[in-house]
Amino acid sequence: MRTCVGCRSRVVKSELLRVVAGGAGAERALVPDLGGRLPGRGAYLHPSQECLDLAEHRRAFSRALRAEGPLDGAELRRWLAEHEERPGRLPRPTGTEEGDTT
């Protein structure tokens, strides 16, 4: 079980998108982690614009990722816009096993 940083509801991990802070310095951005293996702390979010808006309004990403300063959400917002139109399971990279929870 994980908690969405936007709506704060607890759901199974497979229903949420893991997000990490990528880049360095002032260029830090929110990056979707489809495989769940990118380095660094992760925050979990429902793959919806509504939850992203809530999380940004509450400044939840900075807290959850323990990041100082603002995080650019443009890349994450673009990814959500592309994938929100296609409801269903989150796309996973090839080679990720269905039951893999690591």
Protein backbone atom coordinates (compact mmCIF):
# COMPACT_ATOMS: atom_id res chain seq x y z
CA MET A 1 0.00 0.00 0.00
CA ARG A 2 1.16 3.51 -0.85
CA THR A 3 -0.33 6.98 -0.35
CA CYS A 4 -0.97 9.34 -3.26
CA VAL A 5 0.73 12.68 -2.51
CA GLY A 6 -2.14 14.46 -4.28
CA CYS A 7 -5.40 13.11 -2.86
CA ARG A 8 -3.78 11.32 0.13
CA SER A 9 -5.73 8.09 -0.47
CA ARG A 10 -4.04 4.76 0.22
CA VAL A 11 -4.12 2.25 -2.64
CA VAL A 12 -2.03 -0.63 -3.93
CA LYS A 13 1.32 0.35 -5.40
CA SER A 14 0.40 -0.83 -8.92
CA GLU A 15 -2.30 1.87 -9.21
CA LEU A 16 0.14 4.71 -8.57
CA LEU A 17 2.92 6.32 -10.56
CA ARG A 18 6.29 6.66 -8.83
CA VAL A 19 7.85 10.09 -9.29
CA VAL A 20 11.46 11.07 -8.53
CA ALA A 21 13.37 14.35 -8.61
CA GLY A 22 15.72 14.30 -11.59
CA GLY A 23 18.43 16.75 -12.56
CA ALA A 24 20.62 18.88 -10.33
CA GLY A 25 20.59 22.32 -8.75
CA ALA A 26 18.03 24.76 -10.10
CA GLU A 27 17.18 22.37 -12.95
CA ARG A 28 15.50 19.74 -10.76
CA ALA A 29 12.36 18.30 -12.30
CA LEU A 30 9.69 15.73 -11.49
CA VAL A 31 10.34 12.60 -13.55
CA PRO A 32 7.93 9.65 -13.92
CA ASP A 33 9.64 6.40 -12.86
CA LEU A 34 7.78 3.70 -14.74
CA GLY A 35 10.08 0.86 -13.73
CA GLY A 36 10.34 1.93 -10.12
CA ARG A 37 14.11 1.71 -10.26
CA LEU A 38 15.39 5.27 -10.70
CA PRO A 39 17.71 6.39 -7.90
CA GLY A 40 16.57 8.63 -5.08
CA ARG A 41 13.48 9.03 -2.98
CA GLY A 42 10.18 8.39 -4.68
CA ALA A 43 6.73 9.87 -4.24
CA TYR A 44 3.58 8.14 -5.43
CA LEU A 45 0.78 9.78 -7.38
CA HIS A 46 -2.41 8.67 -9.12
CA PRO A 47 -1.78 9.13 -12.85
CA SER A 48 -4.24 12.03 -13.15
CA GLN A 49 -3.97 15.78 -13.65
CA GLU A 50 -6.30 16.30 -10.69
CA CYS A 51 -3.95 14.58 -8.23
CA LEU A 52 -0.94 16.36 -9.75
CA ASP A 53 -2.67 19.72 -9.28
CA LEU A 54 -3.48 18.87 -5.65
CA ALA A 55 0.08 17.75 -4.95
CA GLU A 56 1.57 20.90 -6.49
CA HIS A 57 -0.87 23.14 -4.63
CA ARG A 58 0.06 21.48 -1.32
CA ARG A 59 3.80 21.50 -2.19
CA ALA A 60 3.73 17.79 -1.44
CA PHE A 61 6.53 16.79 -3.83
CA SER A 62 9.17 18.91 -2.10
CA ARG A 63 8.21 17.38 1.25
CA ALA A 64 7.89 13.79 0.06
CA LEU A 65 11.12 13.89 -1.95
CA ARG A 66 12.94 15.98 0.67
CA ALA A 67 13.95 18.40 -2.06
CA GLU A 68 14.95 21.97 -1.42
CA GLY A 69 13.51 24.58 -3.72
CA PRO A 70 10.96 24.24 -6.50
CA LEU A 71 10.64 21.18 -8.73
CA ASP A 72 9.63 21.65 -12.38
CA GLY A 73 6.53 19.57 -13.12
CA ALA A 74 6.39 20.19 -16.89
CA GLU A 75 7.77 16.77 -17.92
CA LEU A 76 5.43 14.94 -15.54
CA ARG A 77 2.46 17.04 -16.69
CA ARG A 78 3.27 16.20 -20.35
CA TRP A 79 3.54 12.49 -19.54
CA LEU A 80 0.20 12.54 -17.70
CA ALA A 81 -1.52 14.37 -20.58
CA GLU A 82 -0.37 11.65 -22.99
CA HIS A 83 -1.33 8.71 -20.78
CA GLU A 84 -4.46 10.00 -19.05
CA GLU A 85 -6.32 9.72 -22.35
CA ARG A 86 -5.70 5.96 -22.29
CA PRO A 87 -7.25 4.66 -19.07
CA GLY A 88 -6.22 1.32 -17.66
CA ARG A 89 -3.00 -0.01 -16.26
CA LEU A 90 0.09 2.15 -16.17
CA PRO A 91 2.55 1.36 -18.95
CA ARG A 92 5.57 -0.50 -17.62
CA PRO A 93 8.93 -0.95 -19.31
CA THR A 94 9.53 -4.28 -20.97
CA GLY A 95 11.16 -6.84 -18.72
CA THR A 96 9.22 -5.80 -15.62
CA GLU A 97 7.47 -8.78 -14.14
CA GLU A 98 3.83 -8.43 -13.11
CA GLY A 99 4.47 -9.67 -9.58
CA ASP A 100 7.74 -7.74 -9.12
CA THR A 101 7.28 -5.53 -6.06
CA THR A 102 10.90 -4.59 -5.38
